């Protein structure tokens, strides 16, 4: 019984990983001193994406531990 439960949990956990990765948010390169600057670049499309990535969907700005703001894109 324990073996079946462990196998079921292991399989369920493995199946959840690809779906989480497929919907991951992507951070644009660079940082901003103010929230307003981050939001302006997100709205106007004035940003650099990491190599090999494309953005689509919505964007948001999030403040990091350094106090700077970072631009993120969500599918």
PDB file of N, CA and C in Angstrom:
ATOM      1  N   UNK A   1       0.821  -1.197   0.000  1.00  0.00           N
ATOM      2  CA  UNK A   1       0.000   0.000   0.000  1.00  0.00           C
ATOM      3  C   UNK A   1       0.866   1.263   0.000  1.00  0.00           C
ATOM      4  N   UNK A   2       1.905   1.265   0.840  1.00  0.00           N
ATOM      5  CA  UNK A   2       2.789   2.425   0.887  1.00  0.00           C
ATOM      6  C   UNK A   2       3.493   2.625  -0.448  1.00  0.00           C
ATOM      7  N   UNK A   3       3.888   1.540  -1.091  1.00  0.00           N
ATOM      8  CA  UNK A   3       4.571   1.631  -2.370  1.00  0.00           C
ATOM      9  C   UNK A   3       3.660   2.248  -3.424  1.00  0.00           C
ATOM     10  N   UNK A   4       2.396   1.866  -3.446  1.00  0.00           N
ATOM     11  CA  UNK A   4       1.450   2.424  -4.415  1.00  0.00           C
ATOM     12  C   UNK A   4       1.244   3.913  -4.164  1.00  0.00           C
ATOM     13  N   UNK A   5       1.163   4.305  -2.896  1.00  0.00           N
ATOM     14  CA  UNK A   5       0.940   5.706  -2.574  1.00  0.00           C
ATOM     15  C   UNK A   5       2.157   6.545  -2.979  1.00  0.00           C
ATOM     16  N   UNK A   6       3.345   6.040  -2.714  1.00  0.00           N
ATOM     17  CA  UNK A   6       4.563   6.762  -3.089  1.00  0.00           C
ATOM     18  C   UNK A   6       4.652   6.880  -4.607  1.00  0.00           C
ATOM     19  N   UNK A   7       4.336   5.809  -5.316  1.00  0.00           N
ATOM     20  CA  UNK A   7       4.369   5.847  -6.779  1.00  0.00           C
ATOM     21  C   UNK A   7       3.357   6.853  -7.326  1.00  0.00           C
ATOM     22  N   UNK A   8       2.190   6.896  -6.744  1.00  0.00           N
ATOM     23  CA  UNK A   8       1.162   7.843  -7.202  1.00  0.00           C
ATOM     24  C   UNK A   8       1.601   9.276  -6.945  1.00  0.00           C
ATOM     25  N   UNK A   9       2.182   9.544  -5.788  1.00  0.00           N
ATOM     26  CA  UNK A   9       2.660  10.895  -5.481  1.00  0.00           C
ATOM     27  C   UNK A   9       3.818  11.283  -6.390  1.00  0.00           C
ATOM     28  N   UNK A  10       4.713  10.353  -6.622  1.00  0.00           N
ATOM     29  CA  UNK A  10       5.854  10.640  -7.487  1.00  0.00           C
ATOM     30  C   UNK A  10       5.399  10.934  -8.907  1.00  0.00           C
ATOM     31  N   UNK A  11       4.472  10.167  -9.423  1.00  0.00           N
ATOM     32  CA  UNK A  11       3.962  10.381 -10.775  1.00  0.00           C
ATOM     33  C   UNK A  11       3.202  11.696 -10.861  1.00  0.00           C
ATOM     34  N   UNK A  12       2.390  11.996  -9.887  1.00  0.00           N
ATOM     35  CA  UNK A  12       1.628  13.244  -9.885  1.00  0.00           C
ATOM     36  C   UNK A  12       2.546  14.449  -9.815  1.00  0.00           C
ATOM     37  N   UNK A  13       3.584  14.382  -8.990  1.00  0.00           N
ATOM     38  CA  UNK A  13       4.534  15.480  -8.897  1.00  0.00           C
ATOM     39  C   UNK A  13       5.286  15.676 -10.197  1.00  0.00           C
ATOM     40  N   UNK A  14       5.654  14.581 -10.852  1.00  0.00           N
ATOM     41  CA  UNK A  14       6.373  14.662 -12.117  1.00  0.00           C
ATOM     42  C   UNK A  14       5.501  15.287 -13.200  1.00  0.00           C
ATOM     43  N   UNK A  15       4.238  14.959 -13.228  1.00  0.00           N
ATOM     44  CA  UNK A  15       3.341  15.493 -14.245  1.00  0.00           C
ATOM     45  C   UNK A  15       3.043  16.970 -14.040  1.00  0.00           C
ATOM     46  N   UNK A  16       3.155  17.453 -12.825  1.00  0.00           N
ATOM     47  CA  UNK A  16       2.869  18.857 -12.553  1.00  0.00           C
ATOM     48  C   UNK A  16       4.015  19.773 -12.984  1.00  0.00           C
ATOM     49  N   UNK A  17       5.237  19.298 -13.015  1.00  0.00           N
ATOM     50  CA  UNK A  17       6.389  20.137 -13.335  1.00  0.00           C
ATOM     51  C   UNK A  17       6.311  20.732 -14.732  1.00  0.00           C
ATOM     52  N   UNK A  18       6.046  19.950 -15.792  1.00  0.00           N
ATOM     53  CA  UNK A  18       6.001  20.565 -17.124  1.00  0.00           C
ATOM     54  C   UNK A  18       4.939  21.640 -17.267  1.00  0.00           C
ATOM     55  N   UNK A  19       3.806  21.499 -16.632  1.00  0.00           N
ATOM     56  CA  UNK A  19       2.768  22.514 -16.772  1.00  0.00           C
ATOM     57  C   UNK A  19       3.176  23.803 -16.079  1.00  0.00           C
ATOM     58  N   UNK A  20       3.897  23.719 -14.985  1.00  0.00           N
ATOM     59  CA  UNK A  20       4.355  24.920 -14.288  1.00  0.00           C
ATOM     60  C   UNK A  20       5.410  25.635 -15.126  1.00  0.00           C
ATOM     61  N   UNK A  21       6.285  24.899 -15.759  1.00  0.00           N
ATOM     62  CA  UNK A  21       7.334  25.494 -16.571  1.00  0.00           C
ATOM     63  C   UNK A  21       6.746  26.138 -17.817  1.00  0.00           C
ATOM     64  N   UNK A  22       5.742  25.541 -18.402  1.00  0.00           N
ATOM     65  CA  UNK A  22       5.143  26.063 -19.622  1.00  0.00           C
ATOM     66  C   UNK A  22       4.485  27.420 -19.397  1.00  0.00           C
ATOM     67  N   UNK A  23       4.019  27.691 -18.206  1.00  0.00           N
ATOM     68  CA  UNK A  23       3.334  28.945 -17.914  1.00  0.00           C
ATOM     69  C   UNK A  23       4.192  29.916 -17.117  1.00  0.00           C
ATOM     70  N   UNK A  24       5.498  29.724 -17.128  1.00  0.00           N
ATOM     71  CA  UNK A  24       6.390  30.568 -16.335  1.00  0.00           C
ATOM     72  C   UNK A  24       6.421  31.986 -16.892  1.00  0.00           C
ATOM     73  N   UNK A  25       6.524  32.960 -16.001  1.00  0.00           N
ATOM     74  CA  UNK A  25       6.676  34.346 -16.404  1.00  0.00           C
ATOM     75  C   UNK A  25       8.112  34.570 -16.851  1.00  0.00           C
ATOM     76  N   UNK A  26       8.315  35.556 -17.717  1.00  0.00           N
ATOM     77  CA  UNK A  26       9.633  35.862 -18.250  1.00  0.00           C
ATOM     78  C   UNK A  26      10.001  37.286 -17.847  1.00  0.00           C
ATOM     79  N   UNK A  27      11.207  37.449 -17.325  1.00  0.00           N
ATOM     80  CA  UNK A  27      11.671  38.770 -16.914  1.00  0.00           C
ATOM     81  C   UNK A  27      12.448  39.418 -18.056  1.00  0.00           C
ATOM     82  N   UNK A  28      12.127  40.673 -18.355  1.00  0.00           N
ATOM     83  CA  UNK A  28      12.886  41.436 -19.345  1.00  0.00           C
ATOM     84  C   UNK A  28      14.229  41.798 -18.733  1.00  0.00           C
ATOM     85  N   UNK A  29      15.227  42.028 -19.570  1.00  0.00           N
ATOM     86  CA  UNK A  29      16.543  42.395 -19.070  1.00  0.00           C
ATOM     87  C   UNK A  29      16.533  43.843 -18.606  1.00  0.00           C
ATOM     88  N   UNK A  30      17.282  44.117 -17.565  1.00  0.00           N
ATOM     89  CA  UNK A  30      17.397  45.472 -17.053  1.00  0.00           C
ATOM     90  C   UNK A  30      16.551  45.689 -15.812  1.00  0.00           C
ATOM     91  N   UNK A  31      16.701  46.875 -15.240  1.00  0.00           N
ATOM     92  CA  UNK A  31      15.945  47.230 -14.040  1.00  0.00           C
ATOM     93  C   UNK A  31      15.605  48.716 -14.091  1.00  0.00           C
ATOM     94  N   UNK A  32      14.713  49.128 -13.223  1.00  0.00           N
ATOM     95  CA  UNK A  32      14.213  50.501 -13.221  1.00  0.00           C
ATOM     96  C   UNK A  32      14.261  51.064 -11.812  1.00  0.00           C
ATOM     97  N   UNK A  33      14.588  52.351 -11.716  1.00  0.00           N
ATOM     98  CA  UNK A  33      14.670  53.009 -10.414  1.00  0.00           C
ATOM     99  C   UNK A  33      13.283  53.309  -9.848  1.00  0.00           C
ATOM    100  N   UNK A  34      12.302  53.491 -10.736  1.00  0.00           N
ATOM    101  CA  UNK A  34      10.949  53.827 -10.271  1.00  0.00           C
ATOM    102  C   UNK A  34       9.915  52.905 -10.906  1.00  0.00           C
ATOM    103  N   UNK A  35       8.801  52.770 -10.232  1.00  0.00           N
ATOM    104  CA  UNK A  35       7.690  51.983 -10.746  1.00  0.00           C
ATOM    105  C   UNK A  35       7.153  52.605 -12.030  1.00  0.00           C
ATOM    106  N   UNK A  36       7.068  53.939 -12.075  1.00  0.00           N
ATOM    107  CA  UNK A  36       6.542  54.630 -13.251  1.00  0.00           C
ATOM    108  C   UNK A  36       7.387  54.344 -14.496  1.00  0.00           C
ATOM    109  N   UNK A  37       8.707  54.327 -14.354  1.00  0.00           N
ATOM    110  CA  UNK A  37       9.590  54.055 -15.493  1.00  0.00           C
ATOM    111  C   UNK A  37       9.402  52.626 -15.990  1.00  0.00           C
ATOM    112  N   UNK A  38       9.262  51.686 -15.071  1.00  0.00           N
ATOM    113  CA  UNK A  38       9.044  50.288 -15.436  1.00  0.00           C
ATOM    114  C   UNK A  38       7.723  50.134 -16.196  1.00  0.00           C
ATOM    115  N   UNK A  39       6.677  50.741 -15.687  1.00  0.00           N
ATOM    116  CA  UNK A  39       5.360  50.633 -16.329  1.00  0.00           C
ATOM    117  C   UNK A  39       5.348  51.305 -17.698  1.00  0.00           C
ATOM    118  N   UNK A  40       6.045  52.421 -17.837  1.00  0.00           N
ATOM    119  CA  UNK A  40       6.090  53.117 -19.126  1.00  0.00           C
ATOM    120  C   UNK A  40       6.782  52.258 -20.175  1.00  0.00           C
ATOM    121  N   UNK A  41       7.913  51.650 -19.833  1.00  0.00           N
ATOM    122  CA  UNK A  41       8.607  50.802 -20.798  1.00  0.00           C
ATOM    123  C   UNK A  41       7.792  49.560 -21.136  1.00  0.00           C
ATOM    124  N   UNK A  42       7.102  48.998 -20.172  1.00  0.00           N
ATOM    125  CA  UNK A  42       6.260  47.832 -20.435  1.00  0.00           C
ATOM    126  C   UNK A  42       5.137  48.162 -21.392  1.00  0.00           C
ATOM    127  N   UNK A  43       4.516  49.309 -21.203  1.00  0.00           N
ATOM    128  CA  UNK A  43       3.395  49.716 -22.048  1.00  0.00           C
ATOM    129  C   UNK A  43       3.849  50.107 -23.455  1.00  0.00           C
ATOM    130  N   UNK A  44       5.040  50.722 -23.570  1.00  0.00           N
ATOM    131  CA  UNK A  44       5.522  51.201 -24.865  1.00  0.00           C
ATOM    132  C   UNK A  44       6.371  50.171 -25.610  1.00  0.00           C
ATOM    133  N   UNK A  45       6.722  49.086 -24.957  1.00  0.00           N
ATOM    134  CA  UNK A  45       7.528  48.057 -25.608  1.00  0.00           C
ATOM    135  C   UNK A  45       9.000  48.400 -25.709  1.00  0.00           C
ATOM    136  N   UNK A  46       9.511  49.291 -24.852  1.00  0.00           N
ATOM    137  CA  UNK A  46      10.909  49.699 -24.879  1.00  0.00           C
ATOM    138  C   UNK A  46      11.697  48.882 -23.857  1.00  0.00           C
ATOM    139  N   UNK A  47      12.054  47.640 -24.231  1.00  0.00           N
ATOM    140  CA  UNK A  47      12.726  46.730 -23.307  1.00  0.00           C
ATOM    141  C   UNK A  47      13.488  45.691 -24.103  1.00  0.00           C
ATOM    142  N   UNK A  48      14.338  44.947 -23.434  1.00  0.00           N
ATOM    143  CA  UNK A  48      15.110  43.881 -24.062  1.00  0.00           C
ATOM    144  C   UNK A  48      14.760  42.565 -23.397  1.00  0.00           C
ATOM    145  N   UNK A  49      14.356  41.587 -24.208  1.00  0.00           N
ATOM    146  CA  UNK A  49      14.029  40.265 -23.691  1.00  0.00           C
ATOM    147  C   UNK A  49      15.286  39.404 -23.692  1.00  0.00           C
ATOM    148  N   UNK A  50      15.364  38.436 -22.780  1.00  0.00           N
ATOM    149  CA  UNK A  50      16.485  37.500 -22.809  1.00  0.00           C
ATOM    150  C   UNK A  50      16.535  36.766 -24.151  1.00  0.00           C
ATOM    151  N   UNK A  51      17.725  36.403 -24.585  1.00  0.00           N
ATOM    152  CA  UNK A  51      17.897  35.723 -25.877  1.00  0.00           C
ATOM    153  C   UNK A  51      17.027  34.472 -25.949  1.00  0.00           C
ATOM    154  N   UNK A  52      16.375  34.296 -27.072  1.00  0.00           N
ATOM    155  CA  UNK A  52      15.574  33.100 -27.307  1.00  0.00           C
ATOM    156  C   UNK A  52      14.176  33.140 -26.719  1.00  0.00           C
ATOM    157  N   UNK A  53      13.751  34.282 -26.207  1.00  0.00           N
ATOM    158  CA  UNK A  53      12.395  34.353 -25.645  1.00  0.00           C
ATOM    159  C   UNK A  53      11.575  35.390 -26.394  1.00  0.00           C
ATOM    160  N   UNK A  54      10.291  35.182 -26.383  1.00  0.00           N
ATOM    161  CA  UNK A  54       9.352  36.131 -26.957  1.00  0.00           C
ATOM    162  C   UNK A  54       8.332  36.461 -25.876  1.00  0.00           C
ATOM    163  N   UNK A  55       7.812  37.666 -25.897  1.00  0.00           N
ATOM    164  CA  UNK A  55       6.784  37.994 -24.911  1.00  0.00           C
ATOM    165  C   UNK A  55       5.423  38.087 -25.594  1.00  0.00           C
ATOM    166  N   UNK A  56       4.446  37.786 -24.851  1.00  0.00           N
ATOM    167  CA  UNK A  56       3.072  37.998 -25.268  1.00  0.00           C
ATOM    168  C   UNK A  56       2.219  37.949 -24.023  1.00  0.00           C
ATOM    169  N   UNK A  57       1.073  38.515 -24.100  1.00  0.00           N
ATOM    170  CA  UNK A  57       0.209  38.580 -22.932  1.00  0.00           C
ATOM    171  C   UNK A  57       0.400  39.890 -22.192  1.00  0.00           C
ATOM    172  N   UNK A  58       0.277  39.832 -20.899  1.00  0.00           N
ATOM    173  CA  UNK A  58       0.335  41.047 -20.095  1.00  0.00           C
ATOM    174  C   UNK A  58       1.698  41.204 -19.431  1.00  0.00           C
ATOM    175  N   UNK A  59       1.949  42.396 -18.916  1.00  0.00           N
ATOM    176  CA  UNK A  59       3.188  42.656 -18.199  1.00  0.00           C
ATOM    177  C   UNK A  59       2.866  43.182 -16.802  1.00  0.00           C
ATOM    178  N   UNK A  60       3.835  43.091 -15.923  1.00  0.00           N
ATOM    179  CA  UNK A  60       3.725  43.695 -14.601  1.00  0.00           C
ATOM    180  C   UNK A  60       5.116  44.056 -14.116  1.00  0.00           C
ATOM    181  N   UNK A  61       5.194  44.981 -13.175  1.00  0.00           N
ATOM    182  CA  UNK A  61       6.452  45.412 -12.587  1.00  0.00           C
ATOM    183  C   UNK A  61       6.492  44.945 -11.141  1.00  0.00           C
ATOM    184  N   UNK A  62       7.631  44.423 -10.744  1.00  0.00           N
ATOM    185  CA  UNK A  62       7.769  43.911  -9.384  1.00  0.00           C
ATOM    186  C   UNK A  62       9.060  44.455  -8.788  1.00  0.00           C
ATOM    187  N   UNK A  63       8.964  44.946  -7.566  1.00  0.00           N
ATOM    188  CA  UNK A  63      10.143  45.474  -6.892  1.00  0.00           C
ATOM    189  C   UNK A  63      10.968  44.334  -6.311  1.00  0.00           C
ATOM    190  N   UNK A  64      12.276  44.378  -6.555  1.00  0.00           N
ATOM    191  CA  UNK A  64      13.174  43.359  -6.042  1.00  0.00           C
ATOM    192  C   UNK A  64      13.748  43.744  -4.683  1.00  0.00           C
ATOM    193  N   UNK A  65      14.552  42.868  -4.128  1.00  0.00           N
ATOM    194  CA  UNK A  65      15.177  43.111  -2.828  1.00  0.00           C
ATOM    195  C   UNK A  65      16.099  44.321  -2.848  1.00  0.00           C
ATOM    196  N   UNK A  66      16.634  44.665  -4.013  1.00  0.00           N
ATOM    197  CA  UNK A  66      17.549  45.802  -4.144  1.00  0.00           C
ATOM    198  C   UNK A  66      16.819  47.140  -4.123  1.00  0.00           C
ATOM    199  N   UNK A  67      15.480  47.105  -4.213  1.00  0.00           N
ATOM    200  CA  UNK A  67      14.704  48.338  -4.274  1.00  0.00           C
ATOM    201  C   UNK A  67      14.393  48.752  -5.704  1.00  0.00           C
ATOM    202  N   UNK A  68      15.036  48.112  -6.681  1.00  0.00           N
ATOM    203  CA  UNK A  68      14.784  48.414  -8.084  1.00  0.00           C
ATOM    204  C   UNK A  68      13.566  47.629  -8.569  1.00  0.00           C
ATOM    205  N   UNK A  69      12.979  48.102  -9.664  1.00  0.00           N
ATOM    206  CA  UNK A  69      11.810  47.441 -10.235  1.00  0.00           C
ATOM    207  C   UNK A  69      12.226  46.645 -11.466  1.00  0.00           C
ATOM    208  N   UNK A  70      11.560  45.496 -11.661  1.00  0.00           N
ATOM    209  CA  UNK A  70      11.859  44.609 -12.772  1.00  0.00           C
ATOM    210  C   UNK A  70      10.583  44.353 -13.561  1.00  0.00           C
ATOM    211  N   UNK A  71      10.731  44.312 -14.882  1.00  0.00           N
ATOM    212  CA  UNK A  71       9.607  44.125 -15.795  1.00  0.00           C
ATOM    213  C   UNK A  71       9.445  42.646 -16.094  1.00  0.00           C
ATOM    214  N   UNK A  72       8.234  42.145 -15.903  1.00  0.00           N
ATOM    215  CA  UNK A  72       7.915  40.719 -16.111  1.00  0.00           C
ATOM    216  C   UNK A  72       6.782  40.601 -17.113  1.00  0.00           C
ATOM    217  N   UNK A  73       6.800  39.519 -17.885  1.00  0.00           N
ATOM    218  CA  UNK A  73       5.728  39.219 -18.821  1.00  0.00           C
ATOM    219  C   UNK A  73       5.102  37.891 -18.465  1.00  0.00           C
ATOM    220  N   UNK A  74       3.810  37.826 -18.616  1.00  0.00           N
ATOM    221  CA  UNK A  74       3.044  36.642 -18.262  1.00  0.00           C
ATOM    222  C   UNK A  74       2.250  36.195 -19.480  1.00  0.00           C
ATOM    223  N   UNK A  75       2.160  34.885 -19.674  1.00  0.00           N
ATOM    224  CA  UNK A  75       1.425  34.335 -20.820  1.00  0.00           C
ATOM    225  C   UNK A  75      -0.054  34.384 -20.554  1.00  0.00           C
TER     226      UNK A  75
END
